[in-house]
Each structure stands twice: as structure tokens, then as C-alpha cells.
Amino acid sequence: MLDLTALADEHLAAARTAPHGRSAHLVMHDGVLRQTVIALTSGTSLDEHNAPPAASLQVLRGRVNLTAAGRAEELRAGTLRMIPKERHGLTALEDAVVLLTAVND
């Protein structure tokens, strides 16, 4: 069993001292299923990248912009959203922690 609150605290603290303003930890891996906690400091981005076959993003803390196909969507703490099938990126609008769930082939 995992304590997501404790993981969010731990990785946000690590992101605040990291040179690139982020910290990530793979918390579950079962076959094709992966779940990762990602902490980003305000203004930090994950550049656009290809989407896995299926994925969702749950914002645990803060606010982020999910960008895809030239548009941006603001997501706040408590939001759960499917990841777009096209290339996408993520930018922290304030210190934030997200849980990425992805299914890879």
C-alpha cells in the first residue's frame, strides 16, 4: 500500500532542490501498467512527447497546463483526465504533483 500524500511531499521537496525542478518515482509497475508520481516546481515543463496507447493524469497538488495540438488545458488538484493521443506536454503553473498512469505495449 502506498501513501500518496507522503510521496507527494517527498518528491515536491526533492523537485525544489533539483537542478531541473522536477522529481519522479515509478510507484507501480505490473506488466504493461505503470504509475508514476511526478513533482514539478512552478514554471517547470515536460517537453512535448509521444503518448502511450492509454494514459491518465491525476493532479494531486497544484495546477498544471496540459498542452496538445496547439492548445492548453489547465488542470487543478483533484482533476483526473485522459492523456490526449497526440504529442503532448505538461507545465507546472505552480508547484505541482501529478500521478501519471500509463499502459504501454
PDB file of N, CA and C in Angstrom:
ATOM      1  N   MET A   1       0.841  -1.167   0.000  1.00  0.00           N
ATOM      2  CA  MET A   1       0.000   0.000   0.000  1.00  0.00           C
ATOM      3  C   MET A   1       0.894   1.240   0.000  1.00  0.00           C
ATOM      4  N   LEU A   2       0.497   2.259  -0.747  1.00  0.00           N
ATOM      5  CA  LEU A   2       1.266   3.491  -0.856  1.00  0.00           C
ATOM      6  C   LEU A   2       0.527   4.649  -0.209  1.00  0.00           C
ATOM      7  N   ASP A   3       1.281   5.552   0.371  1.00  0.00           N
ATOM      8  CA  ASP A   3       0.734   6.791   0.912  1.00  0.00           C
ATOM      9  C   ASP A   3       1.048   7.893  -0.097  1.00  0.00           C
ATOM     10  N   LEU A   4       0.074   8.236  -0.948  1.00  0.00           N
ATOM     11  CA  LEU A   4       0.305   9.229  -1.995  1.00  0.00           C
ATOM     12  C   LEU A   4       0.608  10.603  -1.418  1.00  0.00           C
ATOM     13  N   THR A   5       0.043  10.928  -0.274  1.00  0.00           N
ATOM     14  CA  THR A   5       0.323  12.219   0.352  1.00  0.00           C
ATOM     15  C   THR A   5       1.792  12.313   0.743  1.00  0.00           C
ATOM     16  N   ALA A   6       2.314  11.263   1.353  1.00  0.00           N
ATOM     17  CA  ALA A   6       3.730  11.242   1.743  1.00  0.00           C
ATOM     18  C   ALA A   6       4.632  11.270   0.512  1.00  0.00           C
ATOM     19  N   LEU A   7       4.274  10.526  -0.538  1.00  0.00           N
ATOM     20  CA  LEU A   7       5.070  10.543  -1.773  1.00  0.00           C
ATOM     21  C   LEU A   7       5.054  11.922  -2.420  1.00  0.00           C
ATOM     22  N   ALA A   8       3.901  12.575  -2.415  1.00  0.00           N
ATOM     23  CA  ALA A   8       3.803  13.922  -2.972  1.00  0.00           C
ATOM     24  C   ALA A   8       4.709  14.871  -2.199  1.00  0.00           C
ATOM     25  N   ASP A   9       4.672  14.808  -0.875  1.00  0.00           N
ATOM     26  CA  ASP A   9       5.536  15.654  -0.034  1.00  0.00           C
ATOM     27  C   ASP A   9       7.004  15.397  -0.346  1.00  0.00           C
ATOM     28  N   GLU A  10       7.383  14.139  -0.374  1.00  0.00           N
ATOM     29  CA  GLU A  10       8.785  13.751  -0.598  1.00  0.00           C
ATOM     30  C   GLU A  10       9.301  14.239  -1.948  1.00  0.00           C
ATOM     31  N   HIS A  11       8.519  14.032  -2.998  1.00  0.00           N
ATOM     32  CA  HIS A  11       9.002  14.376  -4.331  1.00  0.00           C
ATOM     33  C   HIS A  11       8.889  15.864  -4.638  1.00  0.00           C
ATOM     34  N   LEU A  12       7.960  16.552  -4.014  1.00  0.00           N
ATOM     35  CA  LEU A  12       7.918  18.000  -4.183  1.00  0.00           C
ATOM     36  C   LEU A  12       9.129  18.631  -3.498  1.00  0.00           C
ATOM     37  N   ALA A  13       9.498  18.126  -2.325  1.00  0.00           N
ATOM     38  CA  ALA A  13      10.712  18.611  -1.644  1.00  0.00           C
ATOM     39  C   ALA A  13      11.943  18.336  -2.496  1.00  0.00           C
ATOM     40  N   ALA A  14      12.011  17.156  -3.108  1.00  0.00           N
ATOM     41  CA  ALA A  14      13.139  16.815  -3.974  1.00  0.00           C
ATOM     42  C   ALA A  14      13.171  17.691  -5.217  1.00  0.00           C
ATOM     43  N   ALA A  15      12.017  17.978  -5.808  1.00  0.00           N
ATOM     44  CA  ALA A  15      11.950  18.826  -7.001  1.00  0.00           C
ATOM     45  C   ALA A  15      12.440  20.232  -6.693  1.00  0.00           C
ATOM     46  N   ARG A  16      12.128  20.723  -5.501  1.00  0.00           N
ATOM     47  CA  ARG A  16      12.526  22.084  -5.120  1.00  0.00           C
ATOM     48  C   ARG A  16      14.034  22.240  -5.007  1.00  0.00           C
ATOM     49  N   THR A  17      14.749  21.152  -4.802  1.00  0.00           N
ATOM     50  CA  THR A  17      16.211  21.234  -4.702  1.00  0.00           C
ATOM     51  C   THR A  17      16.909  20.668  -5.941  1.00  0.00           C
ATOM     52  N   ALA A  18      16.150  20.098  -6.857  1.00  0.00           N
ATOM     53  CA  ALA A  18      16.727  19.508  -8.075  1.00  0.00           C
ATOM     54  C   ALA A  18      17.070  20.596  -9.091  1.00  0.00           C
ATOM     55  N   PRO A  19      18.175  20.435  -9.822  1.00  0.00           N
ATOM     56  CA  PRO A  19      18.583  21.442 -10.798  1.00  0.00           C
ATOM     57  C   PRO A  19      17.539  21.720 -11.886  1.00  0.00           C
ATOM     58  N   HIS A  20      16.756  20.711 -12.262  1.00  0.00           N
ATOM     59  CA  HIS A  20      15.754  20.885 -13.324  1.00  0.00           C
ATOM     60  C   HIS A  20      14.346  21.101 -12.778  1.00  0.00           C
ATOM     61  N   GLY A  21      14.208  21.182 -11.450  1.00  0.00           N
ATOM     62  CA  GLY A  21      12.916  21.492 -10.854  1.00  0.00           C
ATOM     63  C   GLY A  21      11.894  20.381 -10.926  1.00  0.00           C
ATOM     64  N   ARG A  22      12.355  19.138 -10.980  1.00  0.00           N
ATOM     65  CA  ARG A  22      11.387  18.040 -11.034  1.00  0.00           C
ATOM     66  C   ARG A  22      11.947  16.799 -10.338  1.00  0.00           C
ATOM     67  N   SER A  23      11.018  15.941  -9.933  1.00  0.00           N
ATOM     68  CA  SER A  23      11.372  14.664  -9.315  1.00  0.00           C
ATOM     69  C   SER A  23      10.285  13.672  -9.693  1.00  0.00           C
ATOM     70  N   ALA A  24      10.674  12.454 -10.019  1.00  0.00           N
ATOM     71  CA  ALA A  24       9.699  11.435 -10.418  1.00  0.00           C
ATOM     72  C   ALA A  24      10.073  10.099  -9.801  1.00  0.00           C
ATOM     73  N   HIS A  25       9.047   9.293  -9.574  1.00  0.00           N
ATOM     74  CA  HIS A  25       9.268   7.971  -8.985  1.00  0.00           C
ATOM     75  C   HIS A  25       8.211   7.010  -9.510  1.00  0.00           C
ATOM     76  N   LEU A  26       8.665   5.906 -10.091  1.00  0.00           N
ATOM     77  CA  LEU A  26       7.760   4.840 -10.539  1.00  0.00           C
ATOM     78  C   LEU A  26       7.235   4.131  -9.304  1.00  0.00           C
ATOM     79  N   VAL A  27       5.930   4.231  -9.061  1.00  0.00           N
ATOM     80  CA  VAL A  27       5.362   3.659  -7.835  1.00  0.00           C
ATOM     81  C   VAL A  27       4.728   2.301  -8.045  1.00  0.00           C
ATOM     82  N   MET A  28       4.256   2.022  -9.261  1.00  0.00           N
ATOM     83  CA  MET A  28       3.684   0.712  -9.564  1.00  0.00           C
ATOM     84  C   MET A  28       4.059   0.316 -10.982  1.00  0.00           C
ATOM     85  N   HIS A  29       4.410  -0.957 -11.129  1.00  0.00           N
ATOM     86  CA  HIS A  29       4.725  -1.498 -12.443  1.00  0.00           C
ATOM     87  C   HIS A  29       4.234  -2.939 -12.457  1.00  0.00           C
ATOM     88  N   ASP A  30       3.235  -3.183 -13.292  1.00  0.00           N
ATOM     89  CA  ASP A  30       2.664  -4.517 -13.388  1.00  0.00           C
ATOM     90  C   ASP A  30       2.413  -4.814 -14.861  1.00  0.00           C
ATOM     91  N   GLY A  31       3.323  -5.518 -15.486  1.00  0.00           N
ATOM     92  CA  GLY A  31       3.184  -5.797 -16.916  1.00  0.00           C
ATOM     93  C   GLY A  31       3.224  -4.503 -17.707  1.00  0.00           C
ATOM     94  N   VAL A  32       2.150  -4.199 -18.411  1.00  0.00           N
ATOM     95  CA  VAL A  32       2.091  -3.004 -19.251  1.00  0.00           C
ATOM     96  C   VAL A  32       1.631  -1.756 -18.488  1.00  0.00           C
ATOM     97  N   LEU A  33       1.188  -1.939 -17.248  1.00  0.00           N
ATOM     98  CA  LEU A  33       0.686  -0.827 -16.430  1.00  0.00           C
ATOM     99  C   LEU A  33       1.809  -0.196 -15.622  1.00  0.00           C
ATOM    100  N   ARG A  34       1.894   1.133 -15.695  1.00  0.00           N
ATOM    101  CA  ARG A  34       2.876   1.882 -14.903  1.00  0.00           C
ATOM    102  C   ARG A  34       2.192   3.090 -14.278  1.00  0.00           C
ATOM    103  N   GLN A  35       2.539   3.365 -13.029  1.00  0.00           N
ATOM    104  CA  GLN A  35       2.075   4.576 -12.365  1.00  0.00           C
ATOM    105  C   GLN A  35       3.284   5.300 -11.805  1.00  0.00           C
ATOM    106  N   THR A  36       3.341   6.597 -12.088  1.00  0.00           N
ATOM    107  CA  THR A  36       4.487   7.403 -11.704  1.00  0.00           C
ATOM    108  C   THR A  36       4.027   8.679 -11.032  1.00  0.00           C
ATOM    109  N   VAL A  37       4.633   8.993  -9.886  1.00  0.00           N
ATOM    110  CA  VAL A  37       4.431  10.280  -9.232  1.00  0.00           C
ATOM    111  C   VAL A  37       5.467  11.232  -9.815  1.00  0.00           C
ATOM    112  N   ILE A  38       5.009  12.393 -10.283  1.00  0.00           N
ATOM    113  CA  ILE A  38       5.898  13.399 -10.861  1.00  0.00           C
ATOM    114  C   ILE A  38       5.638  14.723 -10.157  1.00  0.00           C
ATOM    115  N   ALA A  39       6.693  15.304  -9.596  1.00  0.00           N
ATOM    116  CA  ALA A  39       6.603  16.614  -8.955  1.00  0.00           C
ATOM    117  C   ALA A  39       7.339  17.626  -9.818  1.00  0.00           C
ATOM    118  N   LEU A  40       6.728  18.784 -10.005  1.00  0.00           N
ATOM    119  CA  LEU A  40       7.302  19.857 -10.821  1.00  0.00           C
ATOM    120  C   LEU A  40       7.199  21.165 -10.060  1.00  0.00           C
ATOM    121  N   THR A  41       8.270  21.959 -10.062  1.00  0.00           N
ATOM    122  CA  THR A  41       8.181  23.279  -9.462  1.00  0.00           C
ATOM    123  C   THR A  41       7.552  24.239 -10.466  1.00  0.00           C
ATOM    124  N   SER A  42       7.043  25.336  -9.957  1.00  0.00           N
ATOM    125  CA  SER A  42       6.370  26.332 -10.792  1.00  0.00           C
ATOM    126  C   SER A  42       7.230  26.725 -11.977  1.00  0.00           C
ATOM    127  N   GLY A  43       6.649  26.674 -13.179  1.00  0.00           N
ATOM    128  CA  GLY A  43       7.351  27.038 -14.403  1.00  0.00           C
ATOM    129  C   GLY A  43       8.105  25.905 -15.065  1.00  0.00           C
ATOM    130  N   THR A  44       8.245  24.780 -14.385  1.00  0.00           N
ATOM    131  CA  THR A  44       8.955  23.628 -14.954  1.00  0.00           C
ATOM    132  C   THR A  44       8.047  22.900 -15.951  1.00  0.00           C
ATOM    133  N   SER A  45       8.643  22.435 -17.046  1.00  0.00           N
ATOM    134  CA  SER A  45       7.876  21.753 -18.092  1.00  0.00           C
ATOM    135  C   SER A  45       8.442  20.382 -18.411  1.00  0.00           C
ATOM    136  N   LEU A  46       7.564  19.530 -18.862  1.00  0.00           N
ATOM    137  CA  LEU A  46       7.951  18.296 -19.531  1.00  0.00           C
ATOM    138  C   LEU A  46       7.659  18.570 -21.001  1.00  0.00           C
ATOM    139  N   ASP A  47       8.701  18.617 -21.821  1.00  0.00           N
ATOM    140  CA  ASP A  47       8.534  18.938 -23.233  1.00  0.00           C
ATOM    141  C   ASP A  47       7.582  17.962 -23.906  1.00  0.00           C
ATOM    142  N   GLU A  48       7.054  18.392 -25.044  1.00  0.00           N
ATOM    143  CA  GLU A  48       6.135  17.524 -25.785  1.00  0.00           C
ATOM    144  C   GLU A  48       6.781  16.186 -26.079  1.00  0.00           C
ATOM    145  N   HIS A  49       5.980  15.146 -25.937  1.00  0.00           N
ATOM    146  CA  HIS A  49       6.435  13.780 -26.176  1.00  0.00           C
ATOM    147  C   HIS A  49       5.255  12.964 -26.684  1.00  0.00           C
ATOM    148  N   ASN A  50       5.545  11.801 -27.252  1.00  0.00           N
ATOM    149  CA  ASN A  50       4.500  10.938 -27.796  1.00  0.00           C
ATOM    150  C   ASN A  50       3.676  10.327 -26.679  1.00  0.00           C
ATOM    151  N   ALA A  51       2.431  10.084 -26.966  1.00  0.00           N
ATOM    152  CA  ALA A  51       1.515   9.499 -25.990  1.00  0.00           C
ATOM    153  C   ALA A  51       1.612   7.980 -26.005  1.00  0.00           C
ATOM    154  N   PRO A  52       1.480   7.351 -24.836  1.00  0.00           N
ATOM    155  CA  PRO A  52       1.371   5.891 -24.808  1.00  0.00           C
ATOM    156  C   PRO A  52      -0.007   5.479 -25.345  1.00  0.00           C
ATOM    157  N   PRO A  53      -0.243   4.202 -25.552  1.00  0.00           N
ATOM    158  CA  PRO A  53      -1.549   3.767 -26.060  1.00  0.00           C
ATOM    159  C   PRO A  53      -2.730   4.203 -25.190  1.00  0.00           C
ATOM    160  N   ALA A  54      -2.533   4.245 -23.877  1.00  0.00           N
ATOM    161  CA  ALA A  54      -3.585   4.700 -22.970  1.00  0.00           C
ATOM    162  C   ALA A  54      -2.924   5.292 -21.735  1.00  0.00           C
ATOM    163  N   ALA A  55      -3.463   6.443 -21.269  1.00  0.00           N
ATOM    164  CA  ALA A  55      -2.878   7.081 -20.097  1.00  0.00           C
ATOM    165  C   ALA A  55      -3.856   8.072 -19.488  1.00  0.00           C
ATOM    166  N   SER A  56      -3.663   8.306 -18.189  1.00  0.00           N
ATOM    167  CA  SER A  56      -4.432   9.341 -17.497  1.00  0.00           C
ATOM    168  C   SER A  56      -3.493  10.120 -16.587  1.00  0.00           C
ATOM    169  N   LEU A  57      -3.927  11.324 -16.242  1.00  0.00           N
ATOM    170  CA  LEU A  57      -3.161  12.200 -15.376  1.00  0.00           C
ATOM    171  C   LEU A  57      -4.076  12.674 -14.264  1.00  0.00           C
ATOM    172  N   GLN A  58      -3.669  12.441 -13.024  1.00  0.00           N
ATOM    173  CA  GLN A  58      -4.413  12.924 -11.867  1.00  0.00           C
ATOM    174  C   GLN A  58      -3.548  13.955 -11.165  1.00  0.00           C
ATOM    175  N   VAL A  59      -4.085  15.156 -10.971  1.00  0.00           N
ATOM    176  CA  VAL A  59      -3.341  16.211 -10.288  1.00  0.00           C
ATOM    177  C   VAL A  59      -3.579  16.055  -8.788  1.00  0.00           C
ATOM    178  N   LEU A  60      -2.497  15.785  -8.066  1.00  0.00           N
ATOM    179  CA  LEU A  60      -2.587  15.599  -6.620  1.00  0.00           C
ATOM    180  C   LEU A  60      -2.436  16.917  -5.872  1.00  0.00           C
ATOM    181  N   ARG A  61      -1.592  17.808  -6.407  1.00  0.00           N
ATOM    182  CA  ARG A  61      -1.325  19.116  -5.796  1.00  0.00           C
ATOM    183  C   ARG A  61      -1.103  20.150  -6.883  1.00  0.00           C
ATOM    184  N   GLY A  62      -1.484  21.374  -6.625  1.00  0.00           N
ATOM    185  CA  GLY A  62      -1.158  22.488  -7.506  1.00  0.00           C
ATOM    186  C   GLY A  62      -1.976  22.544  -8.776  1.00  0.00           C
ATOM    187  N   ARG A  63      -1.412  23.240  -9.779  1.00  0.00           N
ATOM    188  CA  ARG A  63      -2.055  23.424 -11.078  1.00  0.00           C
ATOM    189  C   ARG A  63      -1.033  23.204 -12.178  1.00  0.00           C
ATOM    190  N   VAL A  64      -1.478  22.588 -13.270  1.00  0.00           N
ATOM    191  CA  VAL A  64      -0.623  22.341 -14.429  1.00  0.00           C
ATOM    192  C   VAL A  64      -1.381  22.677 -15.705  1.00  0.00           C
ATOM    193  N   ASN A  65      -0.639  22.938 -16.766  1.00  0.00           N
ATOM    194  CA  ASN A  65      -1.208  23.058 -18.106  1.00  0.00           C
ATOM    195  C   ASN A  65      -0.820  21.815 -18.877  1.00  0.00           C
ATOM    196  N   LEU A  66      -1.808  21.125 -19.416  1.00  0.00           N
ATOM    197  CA  LEU A  66      -1.584  20.001 -20.312  1.00  0.00           C
ATOM    198  C   LEU A  66      -1.721  20.565 -21.719  1.00  0.00           C
ATOM    199  N   THR A  67      -0.654  20.471 -22.511  1.00  0.00           N
ATOM    200  CA  THR A  67      -0.662  21.037 -23.856  1.00  0.00           C
ATOM    201  C   THR A  67      -0.685  19.916 -24.887  1.00  0.00           C
ATOM    202  N   ALA A  68      -1.445  20.150 -25.951  1.00  0.00           N
ATOM    203  CA  ALA A  68      -1.521  19.192 -27.066  1.00  0.00           C
ATOM    204  C   ALA A  68      -2.146  19.900 -28.256  1.00  0.00           C
ATOM    205  N   ALA A  69      -1.604  19.651 -29.436  1.00  0.00           N
ATOM    206  CA  ALA A  69      -2.165  20.167 -30.692  1.00  0.00           C
ATOM    207  C   ALA A  69      -2.395  21.676 -30.645  1.00  0.00           C
ATOM    208  N   GLY A  70      -1.452  22.410 -30.074  1.00  0.00           N
ATOM    209  CA  GLY A  70      -1.534  23.865 -30.058  1.00  0.00           C
ATOM    210  C   GLY A  70      -2.496  24.461 -29.051  1.00  0.00           C
ATOM    211  N   ARG A  71      -3.033  23.661 -28.172  1.00  0.00           N
ATOM    212  CA  ARG A  71      -3.944  24.191 -27.150  1.00  0.00           C
ATOM    213  C   ARG A  71      -3.439  23.779 -25.758  1.00  0.00           C
ATOM    214  N   ALA A  72      -3.901  24.507 -24.750  1.00  0.00           N
ATOM    215  CA  ALA A  72      -3.523  24.211 -23.371  1.00  0.00           C
ATOM    216  C   ALA A  72      -4.778  24.097 -22.524  1.00  0.00           C
ATOM    217  N   GLU A  73      -4.756  23.158 -21.608  1.00  0.00           N
ATOM    218  CA  GLU A  73      -5.882  22.963 -20.696  1.00  0.00           C
ATOM    219  C   GLU A  73      -5.350  22.980 -19.271  1.00  0.00           C
ATOM    220  N   GLU A  74      -5.883  23.876 -18.451  1.00  0.00           N
ATOM    221  CA  GLU A  74      -5.460  23.962 -17.060  1.00  0.00           C
ATOM    222  C   GLU A  74      -6.147  22.872 -16.246  1.00  0.00           C
ATOM    223  N   LEU A  75      -5.346  22.154 -15.473  1.00  0.00           N
ATOM    224  CA  LEU A  75      -5.859  21.113 -14.584  1.00  0.00           C
ATOM    225  C   LEU A  75      -5.459  21.471 -13.160  1.00  0.00           C
ATOM    226  N   ARG A  76      -6.390  21.344 -12.233  1.00  0.00           N
ATOM    227  CA  ARG A  76      -6.154  21.685 -10.827  1.00  0.00           C
ATOM    228  C   ARG A  76      -6.155  20.437  -9.961  1.00  0.00           C
ATOM    229  N   ALA A  77      -5.663  20.587  -8.736  1.00  0.00           N
ATOM    230  CA  ALA A  77      -5.655  19.479  -7.775  1.00  0.00           C
ATOM    231  C   ALA A  77      -7.040  18.839  -7.715  1.00  0.00           C
ATOM    232  N   GLY A  78      -7.062  17.530  -7.758  1.00  0.00           N
ATOM    233  CA  GLY A  78      -8.312  16.777  -7.727  1.00  0.00           C
ATOM    234  C   GLY A  78      -8.817  16.374  -9.097  1.00  0.00           C
ATOM    235  N   THR A  79      -8.222  16.927 -10.150  1.00  0.00           N
ATOM    236  CA  THR A  79      -8.646  16.634 -11.520  1.00  0.00           C
ATOM    237  C   THR A  79      -8.025  15.331 -12.015  1.00  0.00           C
ATOM    238  N   LEU A  80      -8.836  14.552 -12.711  1.00  0.00           N
ATOM    239  CA  LEU A  80      -8.371  13.340 -13.388  1.00  0.00           C
ATOM    240  C   LEU A  80      -8.760  13.474 -14.854  1.00  0.00           C
ATOM    241  N   ARG A  81      -7.767  13.320 -15.747  1.00  0.00           N
ATOM    242  CA  ARG A  81      -8.043  13.496 -17.167  1.00  0.00           C
ATOM    243  C   ARG A  81      -7.282  12.463 -17.992  1.00  0.00           C
ATOM    244  N   MET A  82      -7.931  12.012 -19.051  1.00  0.00           N
ATOM    245  CA  MET A  82      -7.257  11.147 -20.019  1.00  0.00           C
ATOM    246  C   MET A  82      -6.183  11.968 -20.719  1.00  0.00           C
ATOM    247  N   ILE A  83      -5.059  11.340 -21.022  1.00  0.00           N
ATOM    248  CA  ILE A  83      -3.991  11.989 -21.782  1.00  0.00           C
ATOM    249  C   ILE A  83      -4.380  11.930 -23.263  1.00  0.00           C
ATOM    250  N   PRO A  84      -4.226  13.053 -23.983  1.00  0.00           N
ATOM    251  CA  PRO A  84      -4.546  13.028 -25.415  1.00  0.00           C
ATOM    252  C   PRO A  84      -3.685  12.014 -26.158  1.00  0.00           C
ATOM    253  N   LYS A  85      -4.209  11.509 -27.247  1.00  0.00           N
ATOM    254  CA  LYS A  85      -3.492  10.506 -28.047  1.00  0.00           C
ATOM    255  C   LYS A  85      -2.351  11.124 -28.856  1.00  0.00           C
ATOM    256  N   GLU A  86      -2.362  12.445 -29.050  1.00  0.00           N
ATOM    257  CA  GLU A  86      -1.302  13.099 -29.811  1.00  0.00           C
ATOM    258  C   GLU A  86      -0.157  13.533 -28.885  1.00  0.00           C
ATOM    259  N   ARG A  87       0.904  14.046 -29.504  1.00  0.00           N
ATOM    260  CA  ARG A  87       2.026  14.571 -28.716  1.00  0.00           C
ATOM    261  C   ARG A  87       1.493  15.596 -27.729  1.00  0.00           C
ATOM    262  N   HIS A  88       2.081  15.606 -26.551  1.00  0.00           N
ATOM    263  CA  HIS A  88       1.591  16.493 -25.500  1.00  0.00           C
ATOM    264  C   HIS A  88       2.742  16.851 -24.566  1.00  0.00           C
ATOM    265  N   GLY A  89       2.518  17.880 -23.771  1.00  0.00           N
ATOM    266  CA  GLY A  89       3.498  18.320 -22.785  1.00  0.00           C
ATOM    267  C   GLY A  89       2.785  18.745 -21.517  1.00  0.00           C
ATOM    268  N   LEU A  90       3.559  19.065 -20.495  1.00  0.00           N
ATOM    269  CA  LEU A  90       2.993  19.440 -19.197  1.00  0.00           C
ATOM    270  C   LEU A  90       3.847  20.558 -18.608  1.00  0.00           C
ATOM    271  N   THR A  91       3.201  21.606 -18.122  1.00  0.00           N
ATOM    272  CA  THR A  91       3.887  22.725 -17.475  1.00  0.00           C
ATOM    273  C   THR A  91       3.217  23.006 -16.142  1.00  0.00           C
ATOM    274  N   ALA A  92       4.032  23.148 -15.101  1.00  0.00           N
ATOM    275  CA  ALA A  92       3.507  23.482 -13.772  1.00  0.00           C
ATOM    276  C   ALA A  92       3.243  24.987 -13.701  1.00  0.00           C
ATOM    277  N   LEU A  93       2.013  25.349 -13.393  1.00  0.00           N
ATOM    278  CA  LEU A  93       1.649  26.757 -13.216  1.00  0.00           C
ATOM    279  C   LEU A  93       1.992  27.219 -11.801  1.00  0.00           C
ATOM    280  N   GLU A  94       2.103  26.267 -10.906  1.00  0.00           N
ATOM    281  CA  GLU A  94       2.585  26.460  -9.540  1.00  0.00           C
ATOM    282  C   GLU A  94       3.173  25.121  -9.125  1.00  0.00           C
ATOM    283  N   ASP A  95       3.870  25.069  -8.014  1.00  0.00           N
ATOM    284  CA  ASP A  95       4.414  23.779  -7.586  1.00  0.00           C
ATOM    285  C   ASP A  95       3.297  22.745  -7.634  1.00  0.00           C
ATOM    286  N   ALA A  96       3.575  21.606  -8.266  1.00  0.00           N
ATOM    287  CA  ALA A  96       2.522  20.621  -8.511  1.00  0.00           C
ATOM    288  C   ALA A  96       3.065  19.206  -8.421  1.00  0.00           C
ATOM    289  N   VAL A  97       2.146  18.279  -8.114  1.00  0.00           N
ATOM    290  CA  VAL A  97       2.447  16.848  -8.121  1.00  0.00           C
ATOM    291  C   VAL A  97       1.327  16.151  -8.854  1.00  0.00           C
ATOM    292  N   VAL A  98       1.687  15.259  -9.791  1.00  0.00           N
ATOM    293  CA  VAL A  98       0.699  14.523 -10.558  1.00  0.00           C
ATOM    294  C   VAL A  98       0.985  13.018 -10.453  1.00  0.00           C
ATOM    295  N   LEU A  99      -0.054  12.245 -10.687  1.00  0.00           N
ATOM    296  CA  LEU A  99       0.077  10.794 -10.786  1.00  0.00           C
ATOM    297  C   LEU A  99      -0.241  10.429 -12.227  1.00  0.00           C
ATOM    298  N   LEU A 100       0.750   9.934 -12.943  1.00  0.00           N
ATOM    299  CA  LEU A 100       0.600   9.501 -14.320  1.00  0.00           C
ATOM    300  C   LEU A 100       0.377   7.994 -14.325  1.00  0.00           C
ATOM    301  N   THR A 101      -0.714   7.577 -14.936  1.00  0.00           N
ATOM    302  CA  THR A 101      -0.993   6.163 -15.126  1.00  0.00           C
ATOM    303  C   THR A 101      -0.920   5.893 -16.627  1.00  0.00           C
ATOM    304  N   ALA A 102      -0.080   4.958 -17.023  1.00  0.00           N
ATOM    305  CA  ALA A 102       0.107   4.680 -18.453  1.00  0.00           C
ATOM    306  C   ALA A 102       0.114   3.180 -18.705  1.00  0.00           C
ATOM    307  N   VAL A 103      -0.445   2.815 -19.853  1.00  0.00           N
ATOM    308  CA  VAL A 103      -0.407   1.446 -20.342  1.00  0.00           C
ATOM    309  C   VAL A 103       0.433   1.476 -21.610  1.00  0.00           C
ATOM    310  N   ASN A 104       1.518   0.722 -21.601  1.00  0.00           N
ATOM    311  CA  ASN A 104       2.421   0.667 -22.746  1.00  0.00           C
ATOM    312  C   ASN A 104       2.349  -0.713 -23.380  1.00  0.00           C
ATOM    313  N   ASP A 105       2.568  -0.761 -24.684  1.00  0.00           N
ATOM    314  CA  ASP A 105       2.566  -2.044 -25.389  1.00  0.00           C
ATOM    315  C   ASP A 105       3.716  -2.902 -24.931  1.00  0.00           C
TER     316      ASP A 105
END
